[in-house]
Amino acid sequence: MRWPITIIVLLLVLAVSLGLYRLESEVQQLERELTVATAELADSRRNSRILAAELSFLSQPSRLQALARRHLELRPLAPAQIGTLASLPLKAEGKKTGALKNKSDLKNDRKKARRKVRRGNPPLPGRKPVKTRRGQRIVMASSGERS
């Protein structure tokens, strides 16, 4: 009766010792990975500090101004170059201003687009009606001209 108990105890001791060995080797592997990650973190922090100092140097206003003077042919604005909104020309009256087309024009446009697709040309983007919710009004944008 002693022999089976002794064999079971020896097997348990062997299993526990193998488990501990495996656990120890796994811990050593994790420690090596931690050392590598710590070194990479220190390198990244050092590179970050170097890049911050470089950015600070490169973005100095005096340095940028000197580079602009050397490489760009910029001159100060003359008062004649500054204008007002009222001095801009108005839209030409005879040109279409993008007003809504009637239904027959829309059908013709769709037919032309289909023909172009059949010939291998890509379709032109068209206007799609916007579905409104109840209680909402449709507001049309204008060009600012009053008629």
N, C-alpha and C. Protein backbone atom coordinates (compact mmCIF):
# COMPACT_ATOMS: atom_id res chain seq x y z
N MET A 1 0.81 -1.19 0.00
CA MET A 1 0.00 0.00 0.00
C MET A 1 0.86 1.27 0.00
N ARG A 2 2.05 1.20 0.47
CA ARG A 2 2.93 2.34 0.51
C ARG A 2 3.44 2.73 -0.88
N TRP A 3 3.68 1.72 -1.73
CA TRP A 3 4.27 2.00 -3.04
C TRP A 3 3.37 2.88 -3.93
N PRO A 4 2.11 2.64 -4.03
CA PRO A 4 1.28 3.51 -4.89
C PRO A 4 1.24 4.95 -4.38
N ILE A 5 1.19 5.13 -3.06
CA ILE A 5 1.16 6.49 -2.51
C ILE A 5 2.49 7.19 -2.81
N THR A 6 3.60 6.46 -2.68
CA THR A 6 4.92 7.02 -2.94
C THR A 6 5.05 7.43 -4.42
N ILE A 7 4.56 6.60 -5.30
CA ILE A 7 4.63 6.89 -6.74
C ILE A 7 3.77 8.13 -7.06
N ILE A 8 2.58 8.20 -6.47
CA ILE A 8 1.71 9.36 -6.72
C ILE A 8 2.36 10.64 -6.20
N VAL A 9 2.98 10.59 -5.02
CA VAL A 9 3.63 11.76 -4.44
C VAL A 9 4.82 12.17 -5.31
N LEU A 10 5.61 11.21 -5.79
CA LEU A 10 6.74 11.52 -6.66
C LEU A 10 6.26 12.17 -7.97
N LEU A 11 5.20 11.64 -8.54
CA LEU A 11 4.65 12.23 -9.77
C LEU A 11 4.15 13.66 -9.53
N LEU A 12 3.51 13.90 -8.39
CA LEU A 12 3.06 15.26 -8.06
C LEU A 12 4.24 16.21 -7.88
N VAL A 13 5.29 15.74 -7.22
CA VAL A 13 6.48 16.58 -7.03
C VAL A 13 7.12 16.89 -8.39
N LEU A 14 7.19 15.89 -9.29
CA LEU A 14 7.74 16.10 -10.61
C LEU A 14 6.89 17.10 -11.42
N ALA A 15 5.58 16.98 -11.35
CA ALA A 15 4.68 17.90 -12.07
C ALA A 15 4.82 19.32 -11.54
N VAL A 16 4.90 19.47 -10.22
CA VAL A 16 5.03 20.80 -9.63
C VAL A 16 6.38 21.41 -9.99
N SER A 17 7.45 20.62 -9.99
CA SER A 17 8.76 21.16 -10.31
C SER A 17 8.83 21.55 -11.79
N LEU A 18 8.24 20.77 -12.70
CA LEU A 18 8.20 21.15 -14.11
C LEU A 18 7.36 22.42 -14.32
N GLY A 19 6.27 22.53 -13.60
CA GLY A 19 5.44 23.74 -13.70
C GLY A 19 6.19 24.97 -13.22
N LEU A 20 6.92 24.83 -12.12
CA LEU A 20 7.70 25.96 -11.60
C LEU A 20 8.81 26.35 -12.57
N TYR A 21 9.47 25.34 -13.19
CA TYR A 21 10.53 25.64 -14.17
C TYR A 21 9.95 26.40 -15.36
N ARG A 22 8.79 25.94 -15.85
CA ARG A 22 8.13 26.61 -16.98
C ARG A 22 7.74 28.04 -16.60
N LEU A 23 7.22 28.21 -15.40
CA LEU A 23 6.81 29.54 -14.93
C LEU A 23 8.02 30.46 -14.80
N GLU A 24 9.12 29.94 -14.31
CA GLU A 24 10.33 30.75 -14.15
C GLU A 24 10.87 31.19 -15.51
N SER A 25 10.89 30.30 -16.49
CA SER A 25 11.40 30.66 -17.81
C SER A 25 10.47 31.68 -18.48
N GLU A 26 9.17 31.58 -18.24
CA GLU A 26 8.22 32.56 -18.79
C GLU A 26 8.43 33.93 -18.16
N VAL A 27 8.70 33.96 -16.85
CA VAL A 27 8.96 35.23 -16.16
C VAL A 27 10.25 35.86 -16.69
N GLN A 28 11.27 35.06 -16.94
CA GLN A 28 12.52 35.59 -17.48
C GLN A 28 12.31 36.18 -18.88
N GLN A 29 11.51 35.49 -19.69
CA GLN A 29 11.20 36.01 -21.03
C GLN A 29 10.47 37.34 -20.93
N LEU A 30 9.49 37.45 -20.04
CA LEU A 30 8.75 38.69 -19.85
C LEU A 30 9.65 39.81 -19.34
N GLU A 31 10.62 39.48 -18.48
CA GLU A 31 11.56 40.49 -18.00
C GLU A 31 12.43 41.01 -19.14
N ARG A 32 12.86 40.11 -20.04
CA ARG A 32 13.64 40.55 -21.20
C ARG A 32 12.81 41.49 -22.08
N GLU A 33 11.55 41.13 -22.32
CA GLU A 33 10.67 41.98 -23.13
C GLU A 33 10.46 43.34 -22.46
N LEU A 34 10.33 43.35 -21.14
CA LEU A 34 10.16 44.59 -20.40
C LEU A 34 11.40 45.47 -20.54
N THR A 35 12.58 44.87 -20.48
CA THR A 35 13.82 45.63 -20.63
C THR A 35 13.90 46.26 -22.01
N VAL A 36 13.53 45.51 -23.05
CA VAL A 36 13.56 46.02 -24.42
C VAL A 36 12.54 47.16 -24.56
N ALA A 37 11.32 46.97 -24.01
CA ALA A 37 10.28 48.00 -24.11
C ALA A 37 10.69 49.26 -23.36
N THR A 38 11.35 49.12 -22.23
CA THR A 38 11.81 50.28 -21.46
C THR A 38 12.88 51.05 -22.24
N ALA A 39 13.79 50.32 -22.90
CA ALA A 39 14.82 50.97 -23.70
C ALA A 39 14.19 51.71 -24.89
N GLU A 40 13.20 51.08 -25.54
CA GLU A 40 12.51 51.74 -26.66
C GLU A 40 11.77 52.99 -26.19
N LEU A 41 11.15 52.92 -25.03
CA LEU A 41 10.44 54.08 -24.48
C LEU A 41 11.41 55.23 -24.20
N ALA A 42 12.58 54.90 -23.64
CA ALA A 42 13.57 55.94 -23.38
C ALA A 42 14.05 56.57 -24.69
N ASP A 43 14.27 55.74 -25.73
CA ASP A 43 14.67 56.27 -27.04
C ASP A 43 13.57 57.16 -27.63
N SER A 44 12.33 56.73 -27.50
CA SER A 44 11.22 57.53 -28.03
C SER A 44 11.11 58.87 -27.31
N ARG A 45 11.29 58.88 -26.01
CA ARG A 45 11.22 60.13 -25.26
C ARG A 45 12.37 61.07 -25.66
N ARG A 46 13.55 60.49 -25.84
CA ARG A 46 14.71 61.30 -26.25
C ARG A 46 14.46 61.87 -27.64
N ASN A 47 13.95 61.05 -28.57
CA ASN A 47 13.65 61.53 -29.92
C ASN A 47 12.56 62.60 -29.90
N SER A 48 11.60 62.44 -29.03
CA SER A 48 10.53 63.42 -28.91
C SER A 48 11.07 64.77 -28.44
N ARG A 49 11.97 64.75 -27.47
CA ARG A 49 12.58 65.99 -27.00
C ARG A 49 13.41 66.64 -28.10
N ILE A 50 14.14 65.83 -28.86
CA ILE A 50 14.96 66.37 -29.96
C ILE A 50 14.05 67.00 -31.01
N LEU A 51 12.95 66.31 -31.36
CA LEU A 51 12.04 66.85 -32.37
C LEU A 51 11.35 68.12 -31.89
N ALA A 52 11.02 68.19 -30.61
CA ALA A 52 10.40 69.41 -30.07
C ALA A 52 11.38 70.59 -30.15
N ALA A 53 12.64 70.34 -29.83
CA ALA A 53 13.64 71.40 -29.92
C ALA A 53 13.85 71.82 -31.38
N GLU A 54 13.84 70.85 -32.28
CA GLU A 54 14.00 71.15 -33.70
C GLU A 54 12.82 71.96 -34.23
N LEU A 55 11.62 71.59 -33.83
CA LEU A 55 10.43 72.34 -34.24
C LEU A 55 10.47 73.76 -33.71
N SER A 56 10.91 73.91 -32.47
CA SER A 56 11.03 75.24 -31.89
C SER A 56 12.02 76.09 -32.67
N PHE A 57 13.12 75.49 -33.06
CA PHE A 57 14.13 76.23 -33.84
C PHE A 57 13.59 76.58 -35.23
N LEU A 58 12.97 75.61 -35.89
CA LEU A 58 12.51 75.82 -37.27
C LEU A 58 11.36 76.81 -37.37
N SER A 59 10.58 76.96 -36.31
CA SER A 59 9.41 77.83 -36.39
C SER A 59 9.65 79.21 -35.75
N GLN A 60 10.90 79.57 -35.54
CA GLN A 60 11.19 80.90 -35.00
C GLN A 60 10.80 81.96 -36.03
N PRO A 61 10.03 82.96 -35.62
CA PRO A 61 9.58 83.98 -36.58
C PRO A 61 10.73 84.72 -37.28
N SER A 62 11.79 85.00 -36.57
CA SER A 62 12.90 85.73 -37.19
C SER A 62 13.56 84.87 -38.28
N ARG A 63 13.70 83.59 -38.03
CA ARG A 63 14.28 82.68 -39.02
C ARG A 63 13.37 82.57 -40.24
N LEU A 64 12.06 82.42 -40.00
CA LEU A 64 11.12 82.32 -41.11
C LEU A 64 11.09 83.60 -41.94
N GLN A 65 11.19 84.74 -41.28
CA GLN A 65 11.20 86.02 -41.99
C GLN A 65 12.44 86.13 -42.87
N ALA A 66 13.58 85.71 -42.36
CA ALA A 66 14.81 85.76 -43.16
C ALA A 66 14.72 84.82 -44.36
N LEU A 67 14.17 83.64 -44.16
CA LEU A 67 14.01 82.70 -45.27
C LEU A 67 13.04 83.25 -46.31
N ALA A 68 11.96 83.88 -45.86
CA ALA A 68 11.00 84.46 -46.79
C ALA A 68 11.64 85.58 -47.61
N ARG A 69 12.44 86.41 -46.97
CA ARG A 69 13.12 87.49 -47.70
C ARG A 69 14.10 86.92 -48.72
N ARG A 70 14.78 85.85 -48.35
CA ARG A 70 15.80 85.28 -49.23
C ARG A 70 15.18 84.52 -50.41
N HIS A 71 14.11 83.76 -50.18
CA HIS A 71 13.59 82.87 -51.21
C HIS A 71 12.31 83.36 -51.89
N LEU A 72 11.57 84.22 -51.28
CA LEU A 72 10.32 84.70 -51.86
C LEU A 72 10.49 86.15 -52.28
N GLU A 73 9.86 86.48 -53.37
CA GLU A 73 9.95 87.87 -53.83
C GLU A 73 8.66 88.60 -53.43
N LEU A 74 8.45 88.73 -52.17
CA LEU A 74 7.26 89.39 -51.65
C LEU A 74 7.55 90.86 -51.39
N ARG A 75 6.58 91.67 -51.69
CA ARG A 75 6.69 93.10 -51.41
C ARG A 75 5.49 93.53 -50.59
N PRO A 76 5.61 94.62 -49.86
CA PRO A 76 4.45 95.09 -49.09
C PRO A 76 3.31 95.49 -50.03
N LEU A 77 2.09 95.39 -49.53
CA LEU A 77 0.91 95.77 -50.32
C LEU A 77 0.88 97.27 -50.55
N ALA A 78 0.52 97.61 -51.77
CA ALA A 78 0.33 99.03 -52.08
C ALA A 78 -1.13 99.37 -51.79
N PRO A 79 -1.42 100.61 -51.41
CA PRO A 79 -2.81 100.97 -51.12
C PRO A 79 -3.74 100.75 -52.32
N ALA A 80 -3.21 100.82 -53.52
CA ALA A 80 -4.04 100.62 -54.71
C ALA A 80 -4.49 99.16 -54.86
N GLN A 81 -3.79 98.24 -54.21
CA GLN A 81 -4.14 96.82 -54.31
C GLN A 81 -5.31 96.46 -53.40
N ILE A 82 -5.64 97.28 -52.47
CA ILE A 82 -6.72 96.99 -51.53
C ILE A 82 -8.00 97.58 -52.09
N GLY A 83 -9.04 96.75 -52.21
CA GLY A 83 -10.30 97.21 -52.77
C GLY A 83 -11.45 96.92 -51.83
N THR A 84 -12.63 97.32 -52.26
CA THR A 84 -13.83 97.06 -51.47
C THR A 84 -14.73 96.10 -52.23
N LEU A 85 -15.70 95.56 -51.56
CA LEU A 85 -16.64 94.64 -52.16
C LEU A 85 -17.49 95.35 -53.21
N ALA A 86 -17.77 96.60 -53.00
CA ALA A 86 -18.60 97.35 -53.95
C ALA A 86 -17.88 97.57 -55.27
N SER A 87 -16.55 97.51 -55.29
CA SER A 87 -15.82 97.74 -56.53
C SER A 87 -15.78 96.51 -57.43
N LEU A 88 -16.22 95.36 -56.95
CA LEU A 88 -16.23 94.14 -57.76
C LEU A 88 -17.37 94.20 -58.76
N PRO A 89 -17.19 93.67 -59.98
CA PRO A 89 -18.26 93.71 -60.97
C PRO A 89 -19.37 92.73 -60.60
N LEU A 90 -20.61 93.07 -60.99
CA LEU A 90 -21.75 92.19 -60.75
C LEU A 90 -21.76 91.09 -61.79
N LYS A 91 -22.57 90.04 -61.55
CA LYS A 91 -22.71 88.96 -62.52
C LYS A 91 -23.34 89.49 -63.78
N ALA A 92 -22.98 88.90 -64.91
CA ALA A 92 -23.56 89.32 -66.18
C ALA A 92 -25.04 88.93 -66.21
N GLU A 93 -25.88 89.81 -66.69
CA GLU A 93 -27.33 89.58 -66.68
C GLU A 93 -27.73 88.48 -67.66
N GLY A 94 -27.06 88.36 -68.80
CA GLY A 94 -27.48 87.43 -69.84
C GLY A 94 -27.15 85.98 -69.53
N LYS A 95 -26.22 85.70 -68.65
CA LYS A 95 -25.81 84.33 -68.35
C LYS A 95 -26.79 83.68 -67.39
N LYS A 96 -26.87 82.33 -67.50
CA LYS A 96 -27.71 81.59 -66.55
C LYS A 96 -27.05 81.65 -65.18
N THR A 97 -27.84 81.83 -64.18
CA THR A 97 -27.28 81.94 -62.82
C THR A 97 -27.48 80.67 -62.03
N GLY A 98 -27.74 79.57 -62.73
CA GLY A 98 -27.93 78.32 -62.01
C GLY A 98 -29.34 78.17 -61.49
N ALA A 99 -30.31 78.83 -62.12
CA ALA A 99 -31.69 78.73 -61.68
C ALA A 99 -32.22 77.33 -61.97
N LEU A 100 -33.28 76.97 -61.31
CA LEU A 100 -33.88 75.66 -61.51
C LEU A 100 -34.42 75.55 -62.93
N LYS A 101 -34.26 74.37 -63.53
CA LYS A 101 -34.74 74.13 -64.88
C LYS A 101 -36.14 73.55 -64.81
N ASN A 102 -36.86 73.63 -65.94
CA ASN A 102 -38.18 73.01 -65.95
C ASN A 102 -38.03 71.50 -66.17
N LYS A 103 -39.14 70.76 -66.12
CA LYS A 103 -39.07 69.30 -66.17
C LYS A 103 -38.55 68.79 -67.51
N SER A 104 -38.91 69.44 -68.61
CA SER A 104 -38.45 68.95 -69.92
C SER A 104 -36.93 69.10 -70.04
N ASP A 105 -36.37 70.19 -69.51
CA ASP A 105 -34.92 70.36 -69.54
C ASP A 105 -34.22 69.29 -68.71
N LEU A 106 -34.80 68.95 -67.56
CA LEU A 106 -34.21 67.92 -66.71
C LEU A 106 -34.24 66.57 -67.41
N LYS A 107 -35.37 66.26 -68.11
CA LYS A 107 -35.45 64.98 -68.82
C LYS A 107 -34.42 64.92 -69.93
N ASN A 108 -34.24 66.03 -70.66
CA ASN A 108 -33.24 66.06 -71.72
C ASN A 108 -31.83 65.87 -71.16
N ASP A 109 -31.55 66.50 -70.03
CA ASP A 109 -30.24 66.34 -69.40
C ASP A 109 -30.00 64.89 -69.01
N ARG A 110 -31.02 64.23 -68.48
CA ARG A 110 -30.88 62.82 -68.08
C ARG A 110 -30.63 61.95 -69.30
N LYS A 111 -31.34 62.23 -70.40
CA LYS A 111 -31.15 61.44 -71.62
C LYS A 111 -29.73 61.60 -72.15
N LYS A 112 -29.21 62.83 -72.12
CA LYS A 112 -27.85 63.07 -72.58
C LYS A 112 -26.84 62.32 -71.71
N ALA A 113 -27.09 62.34 -70.41
CA ALA A 113 -26.18 61.65 -69.49
C ALA A 113 -26.20 60.14 -69.75
N ARG A 114 -27.38 59.57 -70.01
CA ARG A 114 -27.48 58.14 -70.30
C ARG A 114 -26.73 57.80 -71.59
N ARG A 115 -26.85 58.66 -72.60
CA ARG A 115 -26.15 58.42 -73.86
C ARG A 115 -24.64 58.44 -73.63
N LYS A 116 -24.17 59.36 -72.83
CA LYS A 116 -22.74 59.43 -72.55
C LYS A 116 -22.27 58.19 -71.81
N VAL A 117 -23.10 57.67 -70.91
CA VAL A 117 -22.72 56.47 -70.17
C VAL A 117 -22.64 55.30 -71.12
N ARG A 118 -23.58 55.22 -72.06
CA ARG A 118 -23.56 54.13 -73.03
C ARG A 118 -22.32 54.19 -73.90
N ARG A 119 -21.83 55.38 -74.18
CA ARG A 119 -20.64 55.54 -75.01
C ARG A 119 -19.35 55.28 -74.22
N GLY A 120 -19.46 55.11 -72.94
CA GLY A 120 -18.28 54.84 -72.12
C GLY A 120 -17.81 56.02 -71.31
N ASN A 121 -18.49 57.17 -71.43
CA ASN A 121 -18.10 58.34 -70.64
C ASN A 121 -18.75 58.23 -69.26
N PRO A 122 -18.09 58.73 -68.22
CA PRO A 122 -18.70 58.68 -66.89
C PRO A 122 -19.88 59.65 -66.81
N PRO A 123 -20.88 59.33 -66.00
CA PRO A 123 -22.04 60.22 -65.88
C PRO A 123 -21.67 61.50 -65.15
N LEU A 124 -22.38 62.56 -65.50
CA LEU A 124 -22.18 63.84 -64.83
C LEU A 124 -22.98 63.86 -63.54
N PRO A 125 -22.46 64.48 -62.51
CA PRO A 125 -23.24 64.55 -61.27
C PRO A 125 -24.46 65.43 -61.49
N GLY A 126 -25.57 65.00 -60.96
CA GLY A 126 -26.80 65.76 -61.13
C GLY A 126 -27.37 66.18 -59.80
N ARG A 127 -28.40 67.00 -59.87
CA ARG A 127 -29.07 67.43 -58.65
C ARG A 127 -30.04 66.37 -58.22
N LYS A 128 -30.03 66.06 -56.97
CA LYS A 128 -31.00 65.12 -56.42
C LYS A 128 -31.89 65.89 -55.48
N PRO A 129 -33.20 65.64 -55.54
CA PRO A 129 -34.09 66.36 -54.65
C PRO A 129 -33.87 65.94 -53.20
N VAL A 130 -33.97 66.89 -52.32
CA VAL A 130 -33.79 66.62 -50.90
C VAL A 130 -35.16 66.35 -50.29
N LYS A 131 -35.28 65.23 -49.60
CA LYS A 131 -36.53 64.91 -48.93
C LYS A 131 -36.61 65.71 -47.63
N THR A 132 -37.72 66.38 -47.45
CA THR A 132 -37.88 67.19 -46.25
C THR A 132 -38.76 66.47 -45.25
N ARG A 133 -38.59 66.82 -44.02
CA ARG A 133 -39.45 66.28 -42.97
C ARG A 133 -40.67 67.17 -42.84
N ARG A 134 -41.66 66.64 -42.23
CA ARG A 134 -42.87 67.43 -42.04
C ARG A 134 -42.56 68.67 -41.21
N GLY A 135 -43.12 69.78 -41.64
CA GLY A 135 -42.94 71.02 -40.91
C GLY A 135 -41.72 71.81 -41.35
N GLN A 136 -40.85 71.23 -42.19
CA GLN A 136 -39.69 71.95 -42.66
C GLN A 136 -40.01 72.63 -43.98
N ARG A 137 -39.44 73.78 -44.20
CA ARG A 137 -39.63 74.49 -45.45
C ARG A 137 -38.37 74.39 -46.29
N ILE A 138 -38.54 74.45 -47.59
CA ILE A 138 -37.41 74.44 -48.49
C ILE A 138 -37.01 75.88 -48.74
N VAL A 139 -35.75 76.19 -48.51
CA VAL A 139 -35.24 77.54 -48.71
C VAL A 139 -34.24 77.47 -49.86
N MET A 140 -34.44 78.28 -50.85
CA MET A 140 -33.54 78.30 -51.99
C MET A 140 -32.47 79.37 -51.76
N ALA A 141 -31.23 79.04 -52.08
CA ALA A 141 -30.15 80.00 -51.92
C ALA A 141 -30.18 80.96 -53.11
N SER A 142 -29.83 82.19 -52.87
CA SER A 142 -29.79 83.16 -53.95
C SER A 142 -28.39 83.72 -54.06
N SER A 143 -28.13 84.37 -55.18
CA SER A 143 -26.80 84.94 -55.42
C SER A 143 -26.66 86.34 -54.86
N GLY A 144 -27.71 86.85 -54.23
CA GLY A 144 -27.64 88.16 -53.64
C GLY A 144 -28.25 89.23 -54.52
N GLU A 145 -28.57 88.87 -55.77
CA GLU A 145 -29.19 89.84 -56.68
C GLU A 145 -30.68 89.90 -56.41
N ARG A 146 -31.22 91.06 -56.51
CA ARG A 146 -32.66 91.20 -56.33
C ARG A 146 -33.28 91.54 -57.67
N SER A 147 -34.40 90.86 -57.98
CA SER A 147 -35.03 91.15 -59.27
C SER A 147 -36.42 91.69 -59.08
